[in-house]
């Protein structure tokens, strides 16, 4: 499982400065400043998911385009990047039987948001099906 320190190290290796803000969005990335800011006070799964998502933007050097279609594609790509980075198939398969069909509690156990877990499962649709084992 990737730790918060691993994510922070990854950001620093990319030359990205990390900072915090008090209100508003969970996180944002400024390509011109090479800065990621995350909102103070988030739970660990929110912080890790947000930071990994914003690192995805930094990796791809995303910039807002004012075109909703292209901006949404960047958001989806950042979510997929974060899900792949944070969720290990082995951890998922180990923890899933303990949660039944409760994806929210499984996500919390994996220390990711339910949204990122759904993103991961969309990329691996047969992973949790009983006949896939």
C-alpha atoms as a PDB file:
ATOM      1  CA  UNK A   1       0.000   0.000   0.000  1.00  0.00           C
ATOM      2  CA  UNK A   2       1.370   3.399  -0.980  1.00  0.00           C
ATOM      3  CA  UNK A   3       1.893   5.722   1.956  1.00  0.00           C
ATOM      4  CA  UNK A   4       1.324   9.454   2.190  1.00  0.00           C
ATOM      5  CA  UNK A   5       5.107   9.890   2.353  1.00  0.00           C
ATOM      6  CA  UNK A   6       5.491   7.918  -0.896  1.00  0.00           C
ATOM      7  CA  UNK A   7       3.041  10.284  -2.583  1.00  0.00           C
ATOM      8  CA  UNK A   8       4.801  13.332  -1.193  1.00  0.00           C
ATOM      9  CA  UNK A   9       8.155  11.965  -2.391  1.00  0.00           C
ATOM     10  CA  UNK A  10       6.678  11.363  -5.841  1.00  0.00           C
ATOM     11  CA  UNK A  11       5.466  14.959  -6.025  1.00  0.00           C
ATOM     12  CA  UNK A  12       8.888  16.249  -5.016  1.00  0.00           C
ATOM     13  CA  UNK A  13      10.598  14.044  -7.620  1.00  0.00           C
ATOM     14  CA  UNK A  14       8.323  15.645 -10.221  1.00  0.00           C
ATOM     15  CA  UNK A  15       9.467  19.076  -9.048  1.00  0.00           C
ATOM     16  CA  UNK A  16       6.049  19.876  -7.603  1.00  0.00           C
ATOM     17  CA  UNK A  17       5.655  21.945  -4.448  1.00  0.00           C
ATOM     18  CA  UNK A  18       3.007  20.775  -1.979  1.00  0.00           C
ATOM     19  CA  UNK A  19       0.920  23.231  -0.013  1.00  0.00           C
ATOM     20  CA  UNK A  20      -2.435  23.366   1.798  1.00  0.00           C
ATOM     21  CA  UNK A  21      -5.519  25.566   1.756  1.00  0.00           C
ATOM     22  CA  UNK A  22      -8.418  25.923   4.204  1.00  0.00           C
ATOM     23  CA  UNK A  23     -11.593  26.050   2.113  1.00  0.00           C
ATOM     24  CA  UNK A  24     -12.936  25.101  -1.280  1.00  0.00           C
ATOM     25  CA  UNK A  25     -11.970  22.206  -3.503  1.00  0.00           C
ATOM     26  CA  UNK A  26     -10.256  19.143  -2.043  1.00  0.00           C
ATOM     27  CA  UNK A  27      -7.255  19.838  -4.218  1.00  0.00           C
ATOM     28  CA  UNK A  28      -5.891  21.660  -7.215  1.00  0.00           C
ATOM     29  CA  UNK A  29      -2.814  21.641  -9.401  1.00  0.00           C
ATOM     30  CA  UNK A  30      -1.236  24.741 -10.931  1.00  0.00           C
ATOM     31  CA  UNK A  31       0.964  23.876 -13.909  1.00  0.00           C
ATOM     32  CA  UNK A  32       2.459  27.376 -14.050  1.00  0.00           C
ATOM     33  CA  UNK A  33       3.473  27.255 -10.379  1.00  0.00           C
ATOM     34  CA  UNK A  34       4.179  23.475 -10.390  1.00  0.00           C
ATOM     35  CA  UNK A  35       2.184  23.381  -7.146  1.00  0.00           C
ATOM     36  CA  UNK A  36      -0.405  21.031  -5.699  1.00  0.00           C
ATOM     37  CA  UNK A  37      -2.579  22.312  -2.878  1.00  0.00           C
ATOM     38  CA  UNK A  38      -4.788  20.059  -0.760  1.00  0.00           C
ATOM     39  CA  UNK A  39      -7.459  21.160   1.693  1.00  0.00           C
ATOM     40  CA  UNK A  40      -6.530  20.845   5.354  1.00  0.00           C
ATOM     41  CA  UNK A  41      -8.460  18.475   7.598  1.00  0.00           C
ATOM     42  CA  UNK A  42      -9.330  15.708   5.149  1.00  0.00           C
ATOM     43  CA  UNK A  43      -9.489  12.083   6.210  1.00  0.00           C
ATOM     44  CA  UNK A  44      -6.553   9.948   5.095  1.00  0.00           C
ATOM     45  CA  UNK A  45      -8.472   8.302   2.207  1.00  0.00           C
ATOM     46  CA  UNK A  46      -9.578  11.705   0.906  1.00  0.00           C
ATOM     47  CA  UNK A  47      -6.088  13.170   1.225  1.00  0.00           C
ATOM     48  CA  UNK A  48      -4.349  10.250  -0.473  1.00  0.00           C
ATOM     49  CA  UNK A  49      -6.922  10.065  -3.266  1.00  0.00           C
ATOM     50  CA  UNK A  50      -6.823  13.822  -3.845  1.00  0.00           C
ATOM     51  CA  UNK A  51      -3.033  14.023  -3.777  1.00  0.00           C
ATOM     52  CA  UNK A  52      -2.654  11.054  -6.152  1.00  0.00           C
ATOM     53  CA  UNK A  53      -5.244  12.599  -8.516  1.00  0.00           C
ATOM     54  CA  UNK A  54      -3.387  15.925  -8.563  1.00  0.00           C
ATOM     55  CA  UNK A  55      -0.060  14.121  -9.080  1.00  0.00           C
ATOM     56  CA  UNK A  56      -1.719  12.580 -12.129  1.00  0.00           C
ATOM     57  CA  UNK A  57      -2.351  16.072 -13.482  1.00  0.00           C
ATOM     58  CA  UNK A  58       1.276  16.982 -12.779  1.00  0.00           C
ATOM     59  CA  UNK A  59       2.570  13.811 -14.479  1.00  0.00           C
ATOM     60  CA  UNK A  60       0.647  14.627 -17.641  1.00  0.00           C
ATOM     61  CA  UNK A  61       1.277  18.392 -17.312  1.00  0.00           C
ATOM     62  CA  UNK A  62      -2.457  19.012 -17.608  1.00  0.00           C
ATOM     63  CA  UNK A  63      -3.744  22.537 -18.079  1.00  0.00           C
ATOM     64  CA  UNK A  64      -7.336  23.751 -18.171  1.00  0.00           C
ATOM     65  CA  UNK A  65      -8.459  24.168 -21.771  1.00  0.00           C
ATOM     66  CA  UNK A  66     -11.850  25.908 -21.411  1.00  0.00           C
ATOM     67  CA  UNK A  67     -13.209  22.999 -23.423  1.00  0.00           C
ATOM     68  CA  UNK A  68     -15.437  20.893 -21.173  1.00  0.00           C
ATOM     69  CA  UNK A  69     -14.818  17.715 -23.185  1.00  0.00           C
ATOM     70  CA  UNK A  70     -11.023  17.936 -22.979  1.00  0.00           C
ATOM     71  CA  UNK A  71     -11.044  19.077 -19.352  1.00  0.00           C
ATOM     72  CA  UNK A  72     -13.255  16.103 -18.428  1.00  0.00           C
ATOM     73  CA  UNK A  73     -10.871  13.755 -20.252  1.00  0.00           C
ATOM     74  CA  UNK A  74      -8.027  15.131 -18.114  1.00  0.00           C
ATOM     75  CA  UNK A  75     -10.083  14.589 -14.942  1.00  0.00           C
ATOM     76  CA  UNK A  76     -10.884  11.006 -15.941  1.00  0.00           C
ATOM     77  CA  UNK A  77      -7.235  10.316 -16.771  1.00  0.00           C
ATOM     78  CA  UNK A  78      -6.124  11.743 -13.392  1.00  0.00           C
ATOM     79  CA  UNK A  79      -8.684   9.532 -11.605  1.00  0.00           C
ATOM     80  CA  UNK A  80      -7.444   6.454 -13.484  1.00  0.00           C
ATOM     81  CA  UNK A  81      -3.842   7.352 -12.678  1.00  0.00           C
ATOM     82  CA  UNK A  82      -4.677   7.755  -8.965  1.00  0.00           C
ATOM     83  CA  UNK A  83      -6.665   4.513  -8.824  1.00  0.00           C
ATOM     84  CA  UNK A  84      -3.873   2.529 -10.479  1.00  0.00           C
ATOM     85  CA  UNK A  85      -1.284   4.120  -8.204  1.00  0.00           C
ATOM     86  CA  UNK A  86      -3.146   3.592  -4.932  1.00  0.00           C
ATOM     87  CA  UNK A  87      -4.987   0.298  -5.375  1.00  0.00           C
ATOM     88  CA  UNK A  88      -3.102  -2.965  -5.449  1.00  0.00           C
ATOM     89  CA  UNK A  89      -4.959  -5.892  -6.978  1.00  0.00           C
ATOM     90  CA  UNK A  90      -3.567  -8.169  -4.267  1.00  0.00           C
ATOM     91  CA  UNK A  91      -4.831  -5.895  -1.463  1.00  0.00           C
ATOM     92  CA  UNK A  92      -8.196  -5.551  -3.171  1.00  0.00           C
ATOM     93  CA  UNK A  93      -8.657  -9.298  -3.561  1.00  0.00           C
ATOM     94  CA  UNK A  94      -7.521  -9.915   0.016  1.00  0.00           C
ATOM     95  CA  UNK A  95      -9.876  -7.353   1.569  1.00  0.00           C
ATOM     96  CA  UNK A  96     -12.935  -7.707  -0.692  1.00  0.00           C
ATOM     97  CA  UNK A  97     -14.355 -10.894   0.913  1.00  0.00           C
ATOM     98  CA  UNK A  98     -14.569  -9.109   4.262  1.00  0.00           C
ATOM     99  CA  UNK A  99     -16.812  -6.393   2.822  1.00  0.00           C
ATOM    100  CA  UNK A 100     -19.295  -8.314   0.694  1.00  0.00           C
ATOM    101  CA  UNK A 101     -20.962  -5.848  -1.663  1.00  0.00           C
ATOM    102  CA  UNK A 102     -20.159  -2.795   0.471  1.00  0.00           C
ATOM    103  CA  UNK A 103     -17.779  -0.874  -1.791  1.00  0.00           C
ATOM    104  CA  UNK A 104     -17.729   2.120   0.560  1.00  0.00           C
ATOM    105  CA  UNK A 105     -16.251   0.143   3.454  1.00  0.00           C
ATOM    106  CA  UNK A 106     -13.868  -1.654   1.082  1.00  0.00           C
ATOM    107  CA  UNK A 107     -12.669   1.719  -0.215  1.00  0.00           C
ATOM    108  CA  UNK A 108     -12.036   2.943   3.316  1.00  0.00           C
ATOM    109  CA  UNK A 109     -10.055  -0.209   4.105  1.00  0.00           C
ATOM    110  CA  UNK A 110      -7.974   0.418   0.968  1.00  0.00           C
ATOM    111  CA  UNK A 111      -7.543   4.065   2.072  1.00  0.00           C
ATOM    112  CA  UNK A 112      -9.092   5.465  -1.107  1.00  0.00           C
ATOM    113  CA  UNK A 113     -12.346   7.212  -1.893  1.00  0.00           C
ATOM    114  CA  UNK A 114     -15.266   5.127  -3.149  1.00  0.00           C
ATOM    115  CA  UNK A 115     -15.028   7.103  -6.417  1.00  0.00           C
ATOM    116  CA  UNK A 116     -11.441   5.920  -6.998  1.00  0.00           C
ATOM    117  CA  UNK A 117     -12.390   2.341  -6.153  1.00  0.00           C
ATOM    118  CA  UNK A 118     -15.233   2.505  -8.703  1.00  0.00           C
ATOM    119  CA  UNK A 119     -12.788   3.948 -11.237  1.00  0.00           C
ATOM    120  CA  UNK A 120     -10.400   1.044 -10.611  1.00  0.00           C
ATOM    121  CA  UNK A 121     -13.180  -1.531 -10.897  1.00  0.00           C
ATOM    122  CA  UNK A 122     -14.382   0.008 -14.177  1.00  0.00           C
ATOM    123  CA  UNK A 123     -10.899  -0.654 -15.533  1.00  0.00           C
ATOM    124  CA  UNK A 124     -10.999  -4.243 -14.168  1.00  0.00           C
ATOM    125  CA  UNK A 125     -14.663  -5.260 -14.562  1.00  0.00           C
ATOM    126  CA  UNK A 126     -14.181  -8.993 -13.907  1.00  0.00           C
ATOM    127  CA  UNK A 127     -11.961  -8.645 -10.864  1.00  0.00           C
ATOM    128  CA  UNK A 128     -14.570  -9.084  -8.126  1.00  0.00           C
ATOM    129  CA  UNK A 129     -16.934 -11.407  -9.979  1.00  0.00           C
ATOM    130  CA  UNK A 130     -17.255 -14.737  -8.198  1.00  0.00           C
ATOM    131  CA  UNK A 131     -16.584 -16.749 -11.343  1.00  0.00           C
ATOM    132  CA  UNK A 132     -13.353 -14.808 -12.005  1.00  0.00           C
ATOM    133  CA  UNK A 133     -11.569 -16.763  -9.249  1.00  0.00           C
END
